[in-house]
């Protein structure tokens, strides 16, 4: 399970690096993406995180396993950084405290 989490983290990090480096991709207002993903793919937000540069990373997933990762800038403009299939929900196990 740790290997899967590490892989997801690595892929997400790679997507963010690619996104930052190229500054390309499909971008629009966040509300338009969220509405379109809900209607066309039945995807809903399952997680959010604040990126060090002030952007918000958002993961949207459907019951069928499709997924999308959006990065939203403070201006409200979102860009798709990755999409895929076969999303697996992993039980939430948070570390109780940082390792020494």
PDB file of N, CA and C in Angstrom:
ATOM      1  N   UNK A   1       0.824  -1.181   0.000  1.00  0.00           N
ATOM      2  CA  UNK A   1       0.000   0.000   0.000  1.00  0.00           C
ATOM      3  C   UNK A   1       0.874   1.252   0.000  1.00  0.00           C
ATOM      4  N   UNK A   2       1.965   1.220   0.738  1.00  0.00           N
ATOM      5  CA  UNK A   2       2.868   2.360   0.765  1.00  0.00           C
ATOM      6  C   UNK A   2       3.427   2.634  -0.617  1.00  0.00           C
ATOM      7  N   UNK A   3       3.709   1.573  -1.377  1.00  0.00           N
ATOM      8  CA  UNK A   3       4.235   1.732  -2.731  1.00  0.00           C
ATOM      9  C   UNK A   3       3.211   2.456  -3.612  1.00  0.00           C
ATOM     10  N   UNK A   4       1.934   2.123  -3.454  1.00  0.00           N
ATOM     11  CA  UNK A   4       0.881   2.780  -4.238  1.00  0.00           C
ATOM     12  C   UNK A   4       0.813   4.258  -3.879  1.00  0.00           C
ATOM     13  N   UNK A   5       0.823   4.567  -2.589  1.00  0.00           N
ATOM     14  CA  UNK A   5       0.774   5.969  -2.158  1.00  0.00           C
ATOM     15  C   UNK A   5       1.986   6.738  -2.664  1.00  0.00           C
ATOM     16  N   UNK A   6       3.149   6.115  -2.618  1.00  0.00           N
ATOM     17  CA  UNK A   6       4.363   6.749  -3.113  1.00  0.00           C
ATOM     18  C   UNK A   6       4.259   7.003  -4.608  1.00  0.00           C
ATOM     19  N   UNK A   7       3.709   6.037  -5.340  1.00  0.00           N
ATOM     20  CA  UNK A   7       3.538   6.201  -6.791  1.00  0.00           C
ATOM     21  C   UNK A   7       2.578   7.330  -7.101  1.00  0.00           C
ATOM     22  N   UNK A   8       1.464   7.398  -6.373  1.00  0.00           N
ATOM     23  CA  UNK A   8       0.487   8.473  -6.590  1.00  0.00           C
ATOM     24  C   UNK A   8       1.137   9.817  -6.308  1.00  0.00           C
ATOM     25  N   UNK A   9       1.893   9.906  -5.207  1.00  0.00           N
ATOM     26  CA  UNK A   9       2.566  11.155  -4.866  1.00  0.00           C
ATOM     27  C   UNK A   9       3.571  11.541  -5.949  1.00  0.00           C
ATOM     28  N   UNK A  10       4.335  10.576  -6.412  1.00  0.00           N
ATOM     29  CA  UNK A  10       5.349  10.848  -7.441  1.00  0.00           C
ATOM     30  C   UNK A  10       4.693  11.302  -8.737  1.00  0.00           C
ATOM     31  N   UNK A  11       3.624  10.644  -9.141  1.00  0.00           N
ATOM     32  CA  UNK A  11       2.938  11.026 -10.377  1.00  0.00           C
ATOM     33  C   UNK A  11       2.315  12.410 -10.252  1.00  0.00           C
ATOM     34  N   UNK A  12       1.723  12.698  -9.102  1.00  0.00           N
ATOM     35  CA  UNK A  12       1.138  14.017  -8.885  1.00  0.00           C
ATOM     36  C   UNK A  12       2.222  15.081  -8.905  1.00  0.00           C
ATOM     37  N   UNK A  13       3.345  14.799  -8.258  1.00  0.00           N
ATOM     38  CA  UNK A  13       4.454  15.752  -8.257  1.00  0.00           C
ATOM     39  C   UNK A  13       4.979  15.978  -9.669  1.00  0.00           C
ATOM     40  N   UNK A  14       5.096  14.898 -10.434  1.00  0.00           N
ATOM     41  CA  UNK A  14       5.555  15.005 -11.812  1.00  0.00           C
ATOM     42  C   UNK A  14       4.583  15.839 -12.635  1.00  0.00           C
ATOM     43  N   UNK A  15       3.293  15.620 -12.438  1.00  0.00           N
ATOM     44  CA  UNK A  15       2.289  16.399 -13.167  1.00  0.00           C
ATOM     45  C   UNK A  15       2.405  17.876 -12.814  1.00  0.00           C
ATOM     46  N   UNK A  16       2.637  18.181 -11.548  1.00  0.00           N
ATOM     47  CA  UNK A  16       2.759  19.577 -11.141  1.00  0.00           C
ATOM     48  C   UNK A  16       4.015  20.215 -11.710  1.00  0.00           C
ATOM     49  N   UNK A  17       5.115  19.458 -11.742  1.00  0.00           N
ATOM     50  CA  UNK A  17       6.344  19.982 -12.315  1.00  0.00           C
ATOM     51  C   UNK A  17       6.138  20.240 -13.804  1.00  0.00           C
ATOM     52  N   UNK A  18       5.528  19.295 -14.497  1.00  0.00           N
ATOM     53  CA  UNK A  18       5.268  19.463 -15.925  1.00  0.00           C
ATOM     54  C   UNK A  18       4.374  20.660 -16.165  1.00  0.00           C
ATOM     55  N   UNK A  19       3.360  20.804 -15.325  1.00  0.00           N
ATOM     56  CA  UNK A  19       2.438  21.918 -15.458  1.00  0.00           C
ATOM     57  C   UNK A  19       3.162  23.243 -15.253  1.00  0.00           C
ATOM     58  N   UNK A  20       3.984  23.311 -14.231  1.00  0.00           N
ATOM     59  CA  UNK A  20       4.692  24.549 -13.937  1.00  0.00           C
ATOM     60  C   UNK A  20       5.699  24.891 -15.033  1.00  0.00           C
ATOM     61  N   UNK A  21       6.390  23.872 -15.513  1.00  0.00           N
ATOM     62  CA  UNK A  21       7.434  24.106 -16.499  1.00  0.00           C
ATOM     63  C   UNK A  21       6.856  24.540 -17.838  1.00  0.00           C
ATOM     64  N   UNK A  22       5.800  23.903 -18.275  1.00  0.00           N
ATOM     65  CA  UNK A  22       5.273  24.204 -19.599  1.00  0.00           C
ATOM     66  C   UNK A  22       4.257  25.330 -19.579  1.00  0.00           C
ATOM     67  N   UNK A  23       3.563  25.509 -18.457  1.00  0.00           N
ATOM     68  CA  UNK A  23       2.510  26.514 -18.327  1.00  0.00           C
ATOM     69  C   UNK A  23       1.489  26.367 -19.453  1.00  0.00           C
ATOM     70  N   UNK A  24       1.325  25.148 -19.930  1.00  0.00           N
ATOM     71  CA  UNK A  24       0.343  24.863 -20.956  1.00  0.00           C
ATOM     72  C   UNK A  24      -0.697  23.920 -20.384  1.00  0.00           C
ATOM     73  N   UNK A  25      -1.742  23.715 -21.130  1.00  0.00           N
ATOM     74  CA  UNK A  25      -2.785  22.805 -20.704  1.00  0.00           C
ATOM     75  C   UNK A  25      -4.128  23.440 -20.955  1.00  0.00           C
ATOM     76  N   UNK A  26      -5.156  22.729 -20.576  1.00  0.00           N
ATOM     77  CA  UNK A  26      -6.510  23.222 -20.736  1.00  0.00           C
ATOM     78  C   UNK A  26      -6.855  24.021 -19.485  1.00  0.00           C
ATOM     79  N   UNK A  27      -7.121  25.298 -19.661  1.00  0.00           N
ATOM     80  CA  UNK A  27      -7.408  26.177 -18.528  1.00  0.00           C
ATOM     81  C   UNK A  27      -8.716  26.939 -18.762  1.00  0.00           C
ATOM     82  N   UNK A  28      -9.436  27.168 -17.683  1.00  0.00           N
ATOM     83  CA  UNK A  28     -10.690  27.913 -17.738  1.00  0.00           C
ATOM     84  C   UNK A  28     -11.098  28.252 -16.309  1.00  0.00           C
ATOM     85  N   UNK A  29     -12.274  28.841 -16.154  1.00  0.00           N
ATOM     86  CA  UNK A  29     -12.780  29.134 -14.823  1.00  0.00           C
ATOM     87  C   UNK A  29     -13.082  27.829 -14.096  1.00  0.00           C
ATOM     88  N   UNK A  30     -12.760  27.776 -12.823  1.00  0.00           N
ATOM     89  CA  UNK A  30     -12.935  26.553 -12.036  1.00  0.00           C
ATOM     90  C   UNK A  30     -14.366  26.050 -12.099  1.00  0.00           C
ATOM     91  N   UNK A  31     -15.326  26.937 -11.933  1.00  0.00           N
ATOM     92  CA  UNK A  31     -16.738  26.533 -11.911  1.00  0.00           C
ATOM     93  C   UNK A  31     -17.136  25.814 -13.198  1.00  0.00           C
ATOM     94  N   UNK A  32     -16.613  26.254 -14.324  1.00  0.00           N
ATOM     95  CA  UNK A  32     -16.926  25.594 -15.606  1.00  0.00           C
ATOM     96  C   UNK A  32     -16.392  24.170 -15.618  1.00  0.00           C
ATOM     97  N   UNK A  33     -15.156  23.975 -15.152  1.00  0.00           N
ATOM     98  CA  UNK A  33     -14.584  22.632 -15.106  1.00  0.00           C
ATOM     99  C   UNK A  33     -15.391  21.727 -14.187  1.00  0.00           C
ATOM    100  N   UNK A  34     -15.671  22.212 -12.984  1.00  0.00           N
ATOM    101  CA  UNK A  34     -16.374  21.393 -12.004  1.00  0.00           C
ATOM    102  C   UNK A  34     -17.751  20.997 -12.529  1.00  0.00           C
ATOM    103  N   UNK A  35     -18.466  21.938 -13.123  1.00  0.00           N
ATOM    104  CA  UNK A  35     -19.784  21.635 -13.698  1.00  0.00           C
ATOM    105  C   UNK A  35     -19.678  20.625 -14.829  1.00  0.00           C
ATOM    106  N   UNK A  36     -18.730  20.842 -15.737  1.00  0.00           N
ATOM    107  CA  UNK A  36     -18.561  19.961 -16.888  1.00  0.00           C
ATOM    108  C   UNK A  36     -18.161  18.549 -16.448  1.00  0.00           C
ATOM    109  N   UNK A  37     -17.262  18.444 -15.484  1.00  0.00           N
ATOM    110  CA  UNK A  37     -16.835  17.131 -15.001  1.00  0.00           C
ATOM    111  C   UNK A  37     -17.968  16.404 -14.284  1.00  0.00           C
ATOM    112  N   UNK A  38     -18.805  17.143 -13.574  1.00  0.00           N
ATOM    113  CA  UNK A  38     -19.954  16.532 -12.893  1.00  0.00           C
ATOM    114  C   UNK A  38     -20.978  16.019 -13.904  1.00  0.00           C
ATOM    115  N   UNK A  39     -21.289  16.818 -14.908  1.00  0.00           N
ATOM    116  CA  UNK A  39     -22.296  16.444 -15.900  1.00  0.00           C
ATOM    117  C   UNK A  39     -21.796  15.339 -16.827  1.00  0.00           C
ATOM    118  N   UNK A  40     -20.594  15.483 -17.378  1.00  0.00           N
ATOM    119  CA  UNK A  40     -20.094  14.543 -18.386  1.00  0.00           C
ATOM    120  C   UNK A  40     -19.499  13.261 -17.818  1.00  0.00           C
ATOM    121  N   UNK A  41     -18.926  13.322 -16.617  1.00  0.00           N
ATOM    122  CA  UNK A  41     -18.223  12.154 -16.069  1.00  0.00           C
ATOM    123  C   UNK A  41     -18.681  11.765 -14.659  1.00  0.00           C
ATOM    124  N   UNK A  42     -19.609  12.503 -14.083  1.00  0.00           N
ATOM    125  CA  UNK A  42     -20.075  12.270 -12.715  1.00  0.00           C
ATOM    126  C   UNK A  42     -18.919  12.335 -11.714  1.00  0.00           C
ATOM    127  N   UNK A  43     -17.935  13.200 -11.988  1.00  0.00           N
ATOM    128  CA  UNK A  43     -16.807  13.375 -11.077  1.00  0.00           C
ATOM    129  C   UNK A  43     -17.105  14.463 -10.059  1.00  0.00           C
ATOM    130  N   UNK A  44     -16.711  14.193  -8.826  1.00  0.00           N
ATOM    131  CA  UNK A  44     -16.867  15.138  -7.728  1.00  0.00           C
ATOM    132  C   UNK A  44     -15.557  15.238  -6.961  1.00  0.00           C
ATOM    133  N   UNK A  45     -15.361  16.343  -6.293  1.00  0.00           N
ATOM    134  CA  UNK A  45     -14.137  16.579  -5.526  1.00  0.00           C
ATOM    135  C   UNK A  45     -14.037  15.605  -4.362  1.00  0.00           C
ATOM    136  N   UNK A  46     -12.869  14.942  -4.257  1.00  0.00           N
ATOM    137  CA  UNK A  46     -12.615  14.033  -3.140  1.00  0.00           C
ATOM    138  C   UNK A  46     -11.461  14.515  -2.267  1.00  0.00           C
ATOM    139  N   UNK A  47     -10.712  15.501  -2.758  1.00  0.00           N
ATOM    140  CA  UNK A  47      -9.599  16.003  -1.970  1.00  0.00           C
ATOM    141  C   UNK A  47      -9.076  17.316  -2.508  1.00  0.00           C
ATOM    142  N   UNK A  48      -8.538  18.124  -1.602  1.00  0.00           N
ATOM    143  CA  UNK A  48      -7.947  19.417  -1.930  1.00  0.00           C
ATOM    144  C   UNK A  48      -6.645  19.561  -1.173  1.00  0.00           C
ATOM    145  N   UNK A  49      -5.737  20.344  -1.735  1.00  0.00           N
ATOM    146  CA  UNK A  49      -4.500  20.639  -1.026  1.00  0.00           C
ATOM    147  C   UNK A  49      -3.927  21.957  -1.499  1.00  0.00           C
ATOM    148  N   UNK A  50      -3.325  22.684  -0.584  1.00  0.00           N
ATOM    149  CA  UNK A  50      -2.700  23.962  -0.908  1.00  0.00           C
ATOM    150  C   UNK A  50      -1.264  23.715  -1.350  1.00  0.00           C
ATOM    151  N   UNK A  51      -0.925  24.179  -2.544  1.00  0.00           N
ATOM    152  CA  UNK A  51       0.434  24.047  -3.076  1.00  0.00           C
ATOM    153  C   UNK A  51       1.263  25.202  -2.528  1.00  0.00           C
ATOM    154  N   UNK A  52       2.571  25.000  -2.391  1.00  0.00           N
ATOM    155  CA  UNK A  52       3.443  26.027  -1.811  1.00  0.00           C
ATOM    156  C   UNK A  52       3.350  27.377  -2.503  1.00  0.00           C
ATOM    157  N   UNK A  53       3.035  27.402  -3.794  1.00  0.00           N
ATOM    158  CA  UNK A  53       2.972  28.667  -4.523  1.00  0.00           C
ATOM    159  C   UNK A  53       1.627  29.371  -4.416  1.00  0.00           C
ATOM    160  N   UNK A  54       0.712  28.859  -3.584  1.00  0.00           N
ATOM    161  CA  UNK A  54      -0.584  29.488  -3.384  1.00  0.00           C
ATOM    162  C   UNK A  54      -1.698  28.907  -4.234  1.00  0.00           C
ATOM    163  N   UNK A  55      -1.364  28.008  -5.161  1.00  0.00           N
ATOM    164  CA  UNK A  55      -2.379  27.344  -5.964  1.00  0.00           C
ATOM    165  C   UNK A  55      -3.052  26.247  -5.141  1.00  0.00           C
ATOM    166  N   UNK A  56      -4.211  25.797  -5.603  1.00  0.00           N
ATOM    167  CA  UNK A  56      -4.926  24.710  -4.945  1.00  0.00           C
ATOM    168  C   UNK A  56      -4.964  23.514  -5.882  1.00  0.00           C
ATOM    169  N   UNK A  57      -4.542  22.356  -5.397  1.00  0.00           N
ATOM    170  CA  UNK A  57      -4.620  21.111  -6.140  1.00  0.00           C
ATOM    171  C   UNK A  57      -5.920  20.428  -5.728  1.00  0.00           C
ATOM    172  N   UNK A  58      -6.686  19.972  -6.718  1.00  0.00           N
ATOM    173  CA  UNK A  58      -7.993  19.367  -6.457  1.00  0.00           C
ATOM    174  C   UNK A  58      -8.103  18.067  -7.245  1.00  0.00           C
ATOM    175  N   UNK A  59      -8.572  17.031  -6.584  1.00  0.00           N
ATOM    176  CA  UNK A  59      -8.768  15.739  -7.235  1.00  0.00           C
ATOM    177  C   UNK A  59     -10.266  15.465  -7.293  1.00  0.00           C
ATOM    178  N   UNK A  60     -10.753  15.198  -8.508  1.00  0.00           N
ATOM    179  CA  UNK A  60     -12.154  14.864  -8.730  1.00  0.00           C
ATOM    180  C   UNK A  60     -12.221  13.427  -9.231  1.00  0.00           C
ATOM    181  N   UNK A  61     -13.168  12.649  -8.704  1.00  0.00           N
ATOM    182  CA  UNK A  61     -13.262  11.231  -9.013  1.00  0.00           C
ATOM    183  C   UNK A  61     -14.721  10.840  -9.217  1.00  0.00           C
ATOM    184  N   UNK A  62     -14.956   9.875 -10.106  1.00  0.00           N
ATOM    185  CA  UNK A  62     -16.305   9.333 -10.291  1.00  0.00           C
ATOM    186  C   UNK A  62     -16.389   7.944  -9.671  1.00  0.00           C
ATOM    187  N   UNK A  63     -17.619   7.448  -9.478  1.00  0.00           N
ATOM    188  CA  UNK A  63     -17.812   6.089  -8.971  1.00  0.00           C
ATOM    189  C   UNK A  63     -17.305   5.059  -9.965  1.00  0.00           C
ATOM    190  N   UNK A  64     -17.225   5.431 -11.245  1.00  0.00           N
ATOM    191  CA  UNK A  64     -16.728   4.524 -12.280  1.00  0.00           C
ATOM    192  C   UNK A  64     -15.208   4.472 -12.338  1.00  0.00           C
ATOM    193  N   UNK A  65     -14.525   5.330 -11.573  1.00  0.00           N
ATOM    194  CA  UNK A  65     -13.070   5.296 -11.512  1.00  0.00           C
ATOM    195  C   UNK A  65     -12.349   6.314 -12.370  1.00  0.00           C
ATOM    196  N   UNK A  66     -13.098   7.166 -13.112  1.00  0.00           N
ATOM    197  CA  UNK A  66     -12.407   8.224 -13.842  1.00  0.00           C
ATOM    198  C   UNK A  66     -11.976   9.288 -12.849  1.00  0.00           C
ATOM    199  N   UNK A  67     -10.887   9.996 -13.168  1.00  0.00           N
ATOM    200  CA  UNK A  67     -10.397  11.038 -12.262  1.00  0.00           C
ATOM    201  C   UNK A  67      -9.746  12.173 -13.044  1.00  0.00           C
ATOM    202  N   UNK A  68      -9.729  13.334 -12.402  1.00  0.00           N
ATOM    203  CA  UNK A  68      -9.117  14.538 -12.959  1.00  0.00           C
ATOM    204  C   UNK A  68      -8.394  15.266 -11.847  1.00  0.00           C
ATOM    205  N   UNK A  69      -7.212  15.801 -12.155  1.00  0.00           N
ATOM    206  CA  UNK A  69      -6.503  16.655 -11.210  1.00  0.00           C
ATOM    207  C   UNK A  69      -6.494  18.066 -11.795  1.00  0.00           C
ATOM    208  N   UNK A  70      -7.037  19.001 -11.026  1.00  0.00           N
ATOM    209  CA  UNK A  70      -7.049  20.417 -11.400  1.00  0.00           C
ATOM    210  C   UNK A  70      -6.105  21.176 -10.489  1.00  0.00           C
ATOM    211  N   UNK A  71      -5.481  22.208 -11.026  1.00  0.00           N
ATOM    212  CA  UNK A  71      -4.738  23.166 -10.217  1.00  0.00           C
ATOM    213  C   UNK A  71      -5.397  24.518 -10.453  1.00  0.00           C
ATOM    214  N   UNK A  72      -5.826  25.152  -9.362  1.00  0.00           N
ATOM    215  CA  UNK A  72      -6.512  26.433  -9.455  1.00  0.00           C
ATOM    216  C   UNK A  72      -5.619  27.528  -8.885  1.00  0.00           C
ATOM    217  N   UNK A  73      -5.458  28.574  -9.678  1.00  0.00           N
ATOM    218  CA  UNK A  73      -4.660  29.728  -9.258  1.00  0.00           C
ATOM    219  C   UNK A  73      -5.508  30.631  -8.364  1.00  0.00           C
ATOM    220  N   UNK A  74      -4.902  31.505  -7.583  1.00  0.00           N
ATOM    221  CA  UNK A  74      -5.662  32.421  -6.740  1.00  0.00           C
ATOM    222  C   UNK A  74      -6.648  33.297  -7.537  1.00  0.00           C
ATOM    223  N   UNK A  75      -6.420  33.433  -8.827  1.00  0.00           N
ATOM    224  CA  UNK A  75      -7.319  34.219  -9.678  1.00  0.00           C
ATOM    225  C   UNK A  75      -8.619  33.486  -9.990  1.00  0.00           C
ATOM    226  N   UNK A  76      -8.689  32.184  -9.666  1.00  0.00           N
ATOM    227  CA  UNK A  76      -9.882  31.394  -9.957  1.00  0.00           C
ATOM    228  C   UNK A  76      -9.789  30.611 -11.249  1.00  0.00           C
ATOM    229  N   UNK A  77      -8.696  30.774 -11.974  1.00  0.00           N
ATOM    230  CA  UNK A  77      -8.498  30.022 -13.212  1.00  0.00           C
ATOM    231  C   UNK A  77      -7.903  28.655 -12.870  1.00  0.00           C
ATOM    232  N   UNK A  78      -8.529  27.605 -13.397  1.00  0.00           N
ATOM    233  CA  UNK A  78      -8.076  26.234 -13.162  1.00  0.00           C
ATOM    234  C   UNK A  78      -7.498  25.650 -14.435  1.00  0.00           C
ATOM    235  N   UNK A  79      -6.533  24.762 -14.270  1.00  0.00           N
ATOM    236  CA  UNK A  79      -5.935  24.045 -15.393  1.00  0.00           C
ATOM    237  C   UNK A  79      -5.933  22.554 -15.076  1.00  0.00           C
ATOM    238  N   UNK A  80      -6.259  21.747 -16.076  1.00  0.00           N
ATOM    239  CA  UNK A  80      -6.201  20.296 -15.939  1.00  0.00           C
ATOM    240  C   UNK A  80      -4.741  19.888 -16.063  1.00  0.00           C
ATOM    241  N   UNK A  81      -4.238  19.176 -15.062  1.00  0.00           N
ATOM    242  CA  UNK A  81      -2.847  18.709 -15.122  1.00  0.00           C
ATOM    243  C   UNK A  81      -2.755  17.218 -15.373  1.00  0.00           C
ATOM    244  N   UNK A  82      -3.847  16.482 -15.119  1.00  0.00           N
ATOM    245  CA  UNK A  82      -3.840  15.045 -15.376  1.00  0.00           C
ATOM    246  C   UNK A  82      -5.264  14.513 -15.348  1.00  0.00           C
ATOM    247  N   UNK A  83      -5.504  13.474 -16.140  1.00  0.00           N
ATOM    248  CA  UNK A  83      -6.781  12.755 -16.125  1.00  0.00           C
ATOM    249  C   UNK A  83      -6.473  11.270 -16.252  1.00  0.00           C
ATOM    250  N   UNK A  84      -7.420  10.438 -15.863  1.00  0.00           N
ATOM    251  CA  UNK A  84      -7.174   9.015 -15.997  1.00  0.00           C
ATOM    252  C   UNK A  84      -8.366   8.176 -15.607  1.00  0.00           C
ATOM    253  N   UNK A  85      -8.107   6.881 -15.500  1.00  0.00           N
ATOM    254  CA  UNK A  85      -9.122   5.894 -15.152  1.00  0.00           C
ATOM    255  C   UNK A  85      -8.596   4.995 -14.051  1.00  0.00           C
ATOM    256  N   UNK A  86      -9.469   4.144 -13.563  1.00  0.00           N
ATOM    257  CA  UNK A  86      -9.132   3.111 -12.578  1.00  0.00           C
ATOM    258  C   UNK A  86      -8.669   3.691 -11.238  1.00  0.00           C
ATOM    259  N   UNK A  87      -9.314   4.771 -10.792  1.00  0.00           N
ATOM    260  CA  UNK A  87      -8.999   5.340  -9.479  1.00  0.00           C
ATOM    261  C   UNK A  87      -9.380   4.337  -8.408  1.00  0.00           C
ATOM    262  N   UNK A  88      -8.519   4.181  -7.412  1.00  0.00           N
ATOM    263  CA  UNK A  88      -8.798   3.308  -6.279  1.00  0.00           C
ATOM    264  C   UNK A  88      -8.769   4.112  -5.005  1.00  0.00           C
ATOM    265  N   UNK A  89      -9.813   3.972  -4.222  1.00  0.00           N
ATOM    266  CA  UNK A  89      -9.857   4.629  -2.925  1.00  0.00           C
ATOM    267  C   UNK A  89      -9.082   3.760  -1.927  1.00  0.00           C
ATOM    268  N   UNK A  90      -8.170   4.378  -1.238  1.00  0.00           N
ATOM    269  CA  UNK A  90      -7.351   3.677  -0.256  1.00  0.00           C
ATOM    270  C   UNK A  90      -7.778   4.151   1.126  1.00  0.00           C
ATOM    271  N   UNK A  91      -7.944   3.227   2.080  1.00  0.00           N
ATOM    272  CA  UNK A  91      -8.354   3.640   3.426  1.00  0.00           C
ATOM    273  C   UNK A  91      -7.422   4.711   3.983  1.00  0.00           C
ATOM    274  N   UNK A  92      -7.987   5.653   4.668  1.00  0.00           N
ATOM    275  CA  UNK A  92      -7.230   6.770   5.216  1.00  0.00           C
ATOM    276  C   UNK A  92      -6.473   6.339   6.462  1.00  0.00           C
ATOM    277  N   UNK A  93      -5.172   6.395   6.401  1.00  0.00           N
ATOM    278  CA  UNK A  93      -4.300   6.079   7.534  1.00  0.00           C
ATOM    279  C   UNK A  93      -3.290   7.212   7.672  1.00  0.00           C
ATOM    280  N   UNK A  94      -3.531   8.111   8.588  1.00  0.00           N
ATOM    281  CA  UNK A  94      -2.633   9.232   8.802  1.00  0.00           C
ATOM    282  C   UNK A  94      -1.629   8.900   9.883  1.00  0.00           C
ATOM    283  N   UNK A  95      -0.426   9.360   9.698  1.00  0.00           N
ATOM    284  CA  UNK A  95       0.596   9.175  10.732  1.00  0.00           C
ATOM    285  C   UNK A  95       0.199   9.987  11.962  1.00  0.00           C
ATOM    286  N   UNK A  96       0.420   9.448  13.127  1.00  0.00           N
ATOM    287  CA  UNK A  96       0.041  10.143  14.346  1.00  0.00           C
ATOM    288  C   UNK A  96       1.000  11.290  14.675  1.00  0.00           C
ATOM    289  N   UNK A  97       2.252  11.151  14.314  1.00  0.00           N
ATOM    290  CA  UNK A  97       3.217  12.221  14.539  1.00  0.00           C
ATOM    291  C   UNK A  97       4.404  12.021  13.604  1.00  0.00           C
ATOM    292  N   UNK A  98       5.137  13.082  13.314  1.00  0.00           N
ATOM    293  CA  UNK A  98       6.288  12.965  12.407  1.00  0.00           C
ATOM    294  C   UNK A  98       7.352  12.025  12.965  1.00  0.00           C
ATOM    295  N   UNK A  99       8.021  11.340  12.050  1.00  0.00           N
ATOM    296  CA  UNK A  99       9.120  10.457  12.465  1.00  0.00           C
ATOM    297  C   UNK A  99      10.291  11.286  12.942  1.00  0.00           C
ATOM    298  N   UNK A 100      10.979  10.803  13.944  1.00  0.00           N
ATOM    299  CA  UNK A 100      12.112  11.549  14.511  1.00  0.00           C
ATOM    300  C   UNK A 100      13.356  11.321  13.722  1.00  0.00           C
TER     301      UNK A 100
END
